[in-house]
PDB file of N, CA and C in Angstrom:
ATOM      1  N   MET A   1     178.980 -71.610 140.533  1.00  0.00           N
ATOM      2  CA  MET A   1     179.488 -70.322 140.154  1.00  0.00           C
ATOM      3  C   MET A   1     180.480 -69.663 141.101  1.00  0.00           C
ATOM      4  N   ARG A   2     181.452 -69.329 140.633  1.00  0.00           N
ATOM      5  CA  ARG A   2     182.550 -68.634 141.537  1.00  0.00           C
ATOM      6  C   ARG A   2     182.779 -67.468 140.709  1.00  0.00           C
ATOM      7  N   VAL A   3     182.761 -66.180 141.830  1.00  0.00           N
ATOM      8  CA  VAL A   3     182.810 -64.782 141.179  1.00  0.00           C
ATOM      9  C   VAL A   3     184.257 -64.293 141.837  1.00  0.00           C
ATOM     10  N   THR A   4     184.885 -63.567 141.093  1.00  0.00           N
ATOM     11  CA  THR A   4     186.195 -62.675 141.501  1.00  0.00           C
ATOM     12  C   THR A   4     186.010 -61.455 140.970  1.00  0.00           C
ATOM     13  N   VAL A   5     186.604 -60.574 141.580  1.00  0.00           N
ATOM     14  CA  VAL A   5     186.696 -59.115 141.099  1.00  0.00           C
ATOM     15  C   VAL A   5     188.149 -58.584 141.018  1.00  0.00           C
ATOM     16  N   ASP A   6     188.340 -57.704 139.991  1.00  0.00           N
ATOM     17  CA  ASP A   6     189.650 -57.223 140.049  1.00  0.00           C
ATOM     18  C   ASP A   6     189.522 -55.654 140.292  1.00  0.00           C
ATOM     19  N   GLN A   7     190.073 -55.542 141.525  1.00  0.00           N
ATOM     20  CA  GLN A   7     189.717 -54.016 142.353  1.00  0.00           C
ATOM     21  C   GLN A   7     190.375 -53.073 141.394  1.00  0.00           C
ATOM     22  N   ASP A   8     191.657 -53.436 141.054  1.00  0.00           N
ATOM     23  CA  ASP A   8     192.656 -52.551 140.307  1.00  0.00           C
ATOM     24  C   ASP A   8     191.958 -51.937 138.925  1.00  0.00           C
ATOM     25  N   ARG A   9     191.072 -52.760 138.318  1.00  0.00           N
ATOM     26  CA  ARG A   9     190.301 -52.592 137.091  1.00  0.00           C
ATOM     27  C   ARG A   9     189.183 -51.638 137.269  1.00  0.00           C
ATOM     28  N   CYS A  10     188.646 -51.676 138.292  1.00  0.00           N
ATOM     29  CA  CYS A  10     187.348 -51.274 138.830  1.00  0.00           C
ATOM     30  C   CYS A  10     187.489 -49.792 138.461  1.00  0.00           C
ATOM     31  N   VAL A  11     186.278 -49.225 137.672  1.00  0.00           N
ATOM     32  CA  VAL A  11     186.231 -47.749 137.533  1.00  0.00           C
ATOM     33  C   VAL A  11     185.191 -46.989 138.162  1.00  0.00           C
ATOM     34  N   SER A  12     184.423 -47.719 139.397  1.00  0.00           N
ATOM     35  CA  SER A  12     183.696 -47.114 140.344  1.00  0.00           C
ATOM     36  C   SER A  12     182.339 -46.876 139.726  1.00  0.00           C
ATOM     37  N   SER A  13     181.925 -47.491 138.784  1.00  0.00           N
ATOM     38  CA  SER A  13     180.617 -46.985 137.870  1.00  0.00           C
ATOM     39  C   SER A  13     179.379 -47.499 138.673  1.00  0.00           C
ATOM     40  N   GLY A  14     179.425 -48.306 139.488  1.00  0.00           N
ATOM     41  CA  GLY A  14     178.461 -48.847 140.482  1.00  0.00           C
ATOM     42  C   GLY A  14     177.488 -49.911 139.657  1.00  0.00           C
ATOM     43  N   MET A  15     177.510 -50.236 138.382  1.00  0.00           N
ATOM     44  CA  MET A  15     176.770 -50.997 137.659  1.00  0.00           C
ATOM     45  C   MET A  15     176.493 -52.323 138.530  1.00  0.00           C
ATOM     46  N   CYS A  16     177.542 -53.044 138.958  1.00  0.00           N
ATOM     47  CA  CYS A  16     177.624 -54.100 139.770  1.00  0.00           C
ATOM     48  C   CYS A  16     176.386 -53.968 140.719  1.00  0.00           C
ATOM     49  N   VAL A  17     176.509 -53.097 141.658  1.00  0.00           N
ATOM     50  CA  VAL A  17     175.737 -52.845 142.785  1.00  0.00           C
ATOM     51  C   VAL A  17     174.356 -52.806 142.266  1.00  0.00           C
ATOM     52  N   MET A  18     174.039 -52.100 141.027  1.00  0.00           N
ATOM     53  CA  MET A  18     172.451 -51.894 140.713  1.00  0.00           C
ATOM     54  C   MET A  18     172.082 -53.010 140.021  1.00  0.00           C
ATOM     55  N   ASN A  19     172.939 -54.075 139.646  1.00  0.00           N
ATOM     56  CA  ASN A  19     172.443 -55.390 139.093  1.00  0.00           C
ATOM     57  C   ASN A  19     172.318 -56.476 140.113  1.00  0.00           C
ATOM     58  N   ALA A  20     173.374 -56.450 141.011  1.00  0.00           N
ATOM     59  CA  ALA A  20     173.474 -57.557 141.944  1.00  0.00           C
ATOM     60  C   ALA A  20     173.720 -57.066 143.298  1.00  0.00           C
ATOM     61  N   PRO A  21     172.860 -56.360 144.048  1.00  0.00           N
ATOM     62  CA  PRO A  21     173.179 -55.767 145.358  1.00  0.00           C
ATOM     63  C   PRO A  21     173.442 -56.609 146.631  1.00  0.00           C
ATOM     64  N   ASP A  22     173.140 -57.889 146.322  1.00  0.00           N
ATOM     65  CA  ASP A  22     173.156 -58.959 147.315  1.00  0.00           C
ATOM     66  C   ASP A  22     174.818 -59.620 146.968  1.00  0.00           C
ATOM     67  N   VAL A  23     175.193 -59.290 145.996  1.00  0.00           N
ATOM     68  CA  VAL A  23     176.679 -59.862 145.624  1.00  0.00           C
ATOM     69  C   VAL A  23     177.745 -59.044 145.791  1.00  0.00           C
ATOM     70  N   PHE A  24     177.480 -57.563 145.319  1.00  0.00           N
ATOM     71  CA  PHE A  24     178.467 -56.554 145.328  1.00  0.00           C
ATOM     72  C   PHE A  24     178.146 -55.420 146.038  1.00  0.00           C
ATOM     73  N   ASP A  25     179.066 -54.783 146.530  1.00  0.00           N
ATOM     74  CA  ASP A  25     179.088 -53.202 147.235  1.00  0.00           C
ATOM     75  C   ASP A  25     180.146 -52.558 146.637  1.00  0.00           C
ATOM     76  N   GLN A  26     180.231 -51.265 147.257  1.00  0.00           N
ATOM     77  CA  GLN A  26     181.343 -50.187 146.797  1.00  0.00           C
ATOM     78  C   GLN A  26     181.704 -49.924 148.133  1.00  0.00           C
ATOM     79  N   ARG A  27     183.193 -49.609 148.056  1.00  0.00           N
ATOM     80  CA  ARG A  27     183.804 -48.962 149.200  1.00  0.00           C
ATOM     81  C   ARG A  27     183.444 -47.429 149.344  1.00  0.00           C
ATOM     82  N   ASP A  28     183.130 -47.127 150.482  1.00  0.00           N
ATOM     83  CA  ASP A  28     182.763 -45.944 150.696  1.00  0.00           C
ATOM     84  C   ASP A  28     183.849 -44.727 150.233  1.00  0.00           C
ATOM     85  N   ASP A  29     184.946 -44.960 150.569  1.00  0.00           N
ATOM     86  CA  ASP A  29     185.900 -43.779 150.171  1.00  0.00           C
ATOM     87  C   ASP A  29     186.237 -43.495 148.631  1.00  0.00           C
ATOM     88  N   ASP A  30     186.062 -44.685 147.966  1.00  0.00           N
ATOM     89  CA  ASP A  30     186.319 -44.463 146.493  1.00  0.00           C
ATOM     90  C   ASP A  30     185.581 -45.130 145.450  1.00  0.00           C
ATOM     91  N   GLY A  31     184.446 -45.862 146.015  1.00  0.00           N
ATOM     92  CA  GLY A  31     183.558 -46.470 145.117  1.00  0.00           C
ATOM     93  C   GLY A  31     183.780 -47.878 144.523  1.00  0.00           C
ATOM     94  N   VAL A  32     185.221 -48.246 144.801  1.00  0.00           N
ATOM     95  CA  VAL A  32     185.661 -49.661 144.165  1.00  0.00           C
ATOM     96  C   VAL A  32     184.673 -50.557 144.575  1.00  0.00           C
ATOM     97  N   VAL A  33     184.513 -51.655 143.766  1.00  0.00           N
ATOM     98  CA  VAL A  33     183.904 -52.805 143.912  1.00  0.00           C
ATOM     99  C   VAL A  33     184.240 -53.656 145.219  1.00  0.00           C
ATOM    100  N   GLN A  34     183.320 -54.068 145.869  1.00  0.00           N
ATOM    101  CA  GLN A  34     183.741 -55.180 147.105  1.00  0.00           C
ATOM    102  C   GLN A  34     182.743 -56.114 146.729  1.00  0.00           C
ATOM    103  N   LEU A  35     183.328 -57.492 146.767  1.00  0.00           N
ATOM    104  CA  LEU A  35     182.532 -58.716 146.784  1.00  0.00           C
ATOM    105  C   LEU A  35     182.227 -59.156 148.048  1.00  0.00           C
ATOM    106  N   LEU A  36     180.709 -59.306 148.124  1.00  0.00           N
ATOM    107  CA  LEU A  36     180.057 -59.703 149.289  1.00  0.00           C
ATOM    108  C   LEU A  36     180.034 -61.308 149.394  1.00  0.00           C
ATOM    109  N   THR A  37     179.939 -61.828 148.351  1.00  0.00           N
ATOM    110  CA  THR A  37     180.041 -63.285 148.312  1.00  0.00           C
ATOM    111  C   THR A  37     180.521 -63.895 146.976  1.00  0.00           C
ATOM    112  N   ASP A  38     181.548 -64.824 146.962  1.00  0.00           N
ATOM    113  CA  ASP A  38     182.311 -65.367 145.956  1.00  0.00           C
ATOM    114  C   ASP A  38     181.564 -66.462 145.311  1.00  0.00           C
ATOM    115  N   SER A  39     180.464 -66.819 145.978  1.00  0.00           N
ATOM    116  CA  SER A  39     179.537 -68.095 145.524  1.00  0.00           C
ATOM    117  C   SER A  39     178.040 -67.815 145.839  1.00  0.00           C
ATOM    118  N   PRO A  40     177.503 -66.856 144.809  1.00  0.00           N
ATOM    119  CA  PRO A  40     176.262 -66.517 145.073  1.00  0.00           C
ATOM    120  C   PRO A  40     175.081 -67.677 144.755  1.00  0.00           C
ATOM    121  N   GLY A  41     174.074 -67.812 145.420  1.00  0.00           N
ATOM    122  CA  GLY A  41     173.085 -68.797 145.200  1.00  0.00           C
ATOM    123  C   GLY A  41     172.441 -68.826 143.849  1.00  0.00           C
ATOM    124  N   ASP A  42     171.723 -69.948 143.593  1.00  0.00           N
ATOM    125  CA  ASP A  42     171.135 -70.030 142.282  1.00  0.00           C
ATOM    126  C   ASP A  42     170.186 -68.962 141.929  1.00  0.00           C
ATOM    127  N   ASP A  43     169.692 -68.333 143.071  1.00  0.00           N
ATOM    128  CA  ASP A  43     168.626 -67.265 142.787  1.00  0.00           C
ATOM    129  C   ASP A  43     169.247 -66.041 142.501  1.00  0.00           C
ATOM    130  N   ARG A  44     170.555 -65.944 142.532  1.00  0.00           N
ATOM    131  CA  ARG A  44     171.461 -64.664 142.272  1.00  0.00           C
ATOM    132  C   ARG A  44     172.256 -65.002 140.882  1.00  0.00           C
ATOM    133  N   THR A  45     172.205 -65.935 140.241  1.00  0.00           N
ATOM    134  CA  THR A  45     173.010 -66.316 139.092  1.00  0.00           C
ATOM    135  C   THR A  45     172.730 -65.177 137.995  1.00  0.00           C
ATOM    136  N   GLN A  46     171.579 -64.995 137.624  1.00  0.00           N
ATOM    137  CA  GLN A  46     171.300 -63.966 136.496  1.00  0.00           C
ATOM    138  C   GLN A  46     171.778 -62.731 136.893  1.00  0.00           C
ATOM    139  N   ASP A  47     171.600 -62.241 138.151  1.00  0.00           N
ATOM    140  CA  ASP A  47     171.728 -60.904 138.407  1.00  0.00           C
ATOM    141  C   ASP A  47     173.429 -60.737 138.476  1.00  0.00           C
ATOM    142  N   THR A  48     174.000 -61.759 138.864  1.00  0.00           N
ATOM    143  CA  THR A  48     175.384 -61.625 138.879  1.00  0.00           C
ATOM    144  C   THR A  48     176.085 -61.802 137.645  1.00  0.00           C
ATOM    145  N   ARG A  49     175.405 -62.504 136.508  1.00  0.00           N
ATOM    146  CA  ARG A  49     176.024 -62.322 135.117  1.00  0.00           C
ATOM    147  C   ARG A  49     175.563 -61.206 134.584  1.00  0.00           C
ATOM    148  N   SER A  50     174.396 -60.630 134.881  1.00  0.00           N
ATOM    149  CA  SER A  50     174.086 -59.182 134.331  1.00  0.00           C
ATOM    150  C   SER A  50     175.013 -58.265 134.982  1.00  0.00           C
ATOM    151  N   ALA A  51     175.584 -58.179 136.155  1.00  0.00           N
ATOM    152  CA  ALA A  51     176.373 -57.242 136.476  1.00  0.00           C
ATOM    153  C   ALA A  51     177.805 -57.419 135.856  1.00  0.00           C
ATOM    154  N   ALA A  52     178.285 -58.567 135.681  1.00  0.00           N
ATOM    155  CA  ALA A  52     179.491 -58.772 134.907  1.00  0.00           C
ATOM    156  C   ALA A  52     179.374 -58.354 133.455  1.00  0.00           C
ATOM    157  N   THR A  53     178.179 -58.622 132.833  1.00  0.00           N
ATOM    158  CA  THR A  53     178.131 -57.905 131.642  1.00  0.00           C
ATOM    159  C   THR A  53     178.003 -56.469 131.531  1.00  0.00           C
ATOM    160  N   ALA A  54     177.549 -55.672 132.420  1.00  0.00           N
ATOM    161  CA  ALA A  54     177.416 -54.457 132.485  1.00  0.00           C
ATOM    162  C   ALA A  54     178.497 -53.710 133.097  1.00  0.00           C
ATOM    163  N   CYS A  55     179.511 -54.343 133.614  1.00  0.00           N
ATOM    164  CA  CYS A  55     180.616 -53.669 134.123  1.00  0.00           C
ATOM    165  C   CYS A  55     181.596 -53.070 132.818  1.00  0.00           C
ATOM    166  N   PRO A  56     181.789 -51.739 132.989  1.00  0.00           N
ATOM    167  CA  PRO A  56     182.367 -51.135 131.756  1.00  0.00           C
ATOM    168  C   PRO A  56     183.925 -51.273 131.832  1.00  0.00           C
ATOM    169  N   ALA A  57     184.631 -51.823 132.922  1.00  0.00           N
ATOM    170  CA  ALA A  57     185.788 -52.305 133.166  1.00  0.00           C
ATOM    171  C   ALA A  57     186.269 -53.661 133.023  1.00  0.00           C
ATOM    172  N   LEU A  58     185.207 -54.387 132.905  1.00  0.00           N
ATOM    173  CA  LEU A  58     185.340 -55.701 132.791  1.00  0.00           C
ATOM    174  C   LEU A  58     186.091 -56.549 134.076  1.00  0.00           C
ATOM    175  N   ALA A  59     185.763 -55.943 135.270  1.00  0.00           N
ATOM    176  CA  ALA A  59     186.409 -56.164 136.526  1.00  0.00           C
ATOM    177  C   ALA A  59     185.843 -57.284 137.230  1.00  0.00           C
ATOM    178  N   ILE A  60     184.654 -57.974 136.793  1.00  0.00           N
ATOM    179  CA  ILE A  60     184.060 -59.062 137.319  1.00  0.00           C
ATOM    180  C   ILE A  60     184.278 -60.305 136.476  1.00  0.00           C
ATOM    181  N   HIS A  61     184.736 -61.236 137.260  1.00  0.00           N
ATOM    182  CA  HIS A  61     184.930 -62.507 136.476  1.00  0.00           C
ATOM    183  C   HIS A  61     184.157 -63.737 137.014  1.00  0.00           C
ATOM    184  N   ILE A  62     183.670 -64.564 136.026  1.00  0.00           N
ATOM    185  CA  ILE A  62     182.607 -65.578 136.696  1.00  0.00           C
ATOM    186  C   ILE A  62     183.127 -67.039 135.999  1.00  0.00           C
ATOM    187  N   GLU A  63     183.405 -67.754 137.083  1.00  0.00           N
ATOM    188  CA  GLU A  63     183.827 -69.287 136.617  1.00  0.00           C
ATOM    189  C   GLU A  63     182.613 -69.994 136.983  1.00  0.00           C
ATOM    190  N   GLU A  64     182.383 -70.999 136.010  1.00  0.00           N
ATOM    191  CA  GLU A  64     181.106 -71.882 135.968  1.00  0.00           C
ATOM    192  C   GLU A  64     181.668 -73.213 136.853  1.00  0.00           C
TER     193      GLU A  64
END
């Protein structure tokens, strides 16, 4: 799994961090998504997929 984020699309909802806090964070100044790792381990696969699904801006992209 490879994860990318589109910071320009991000609406700072925080759904990514709530679903996968080991994979995503938010910038302090504006809340835009920050990717902590682009290759989460197998133990983070489901959380990462949940974060992508929950993102209202569709700013998280997953490649298998």
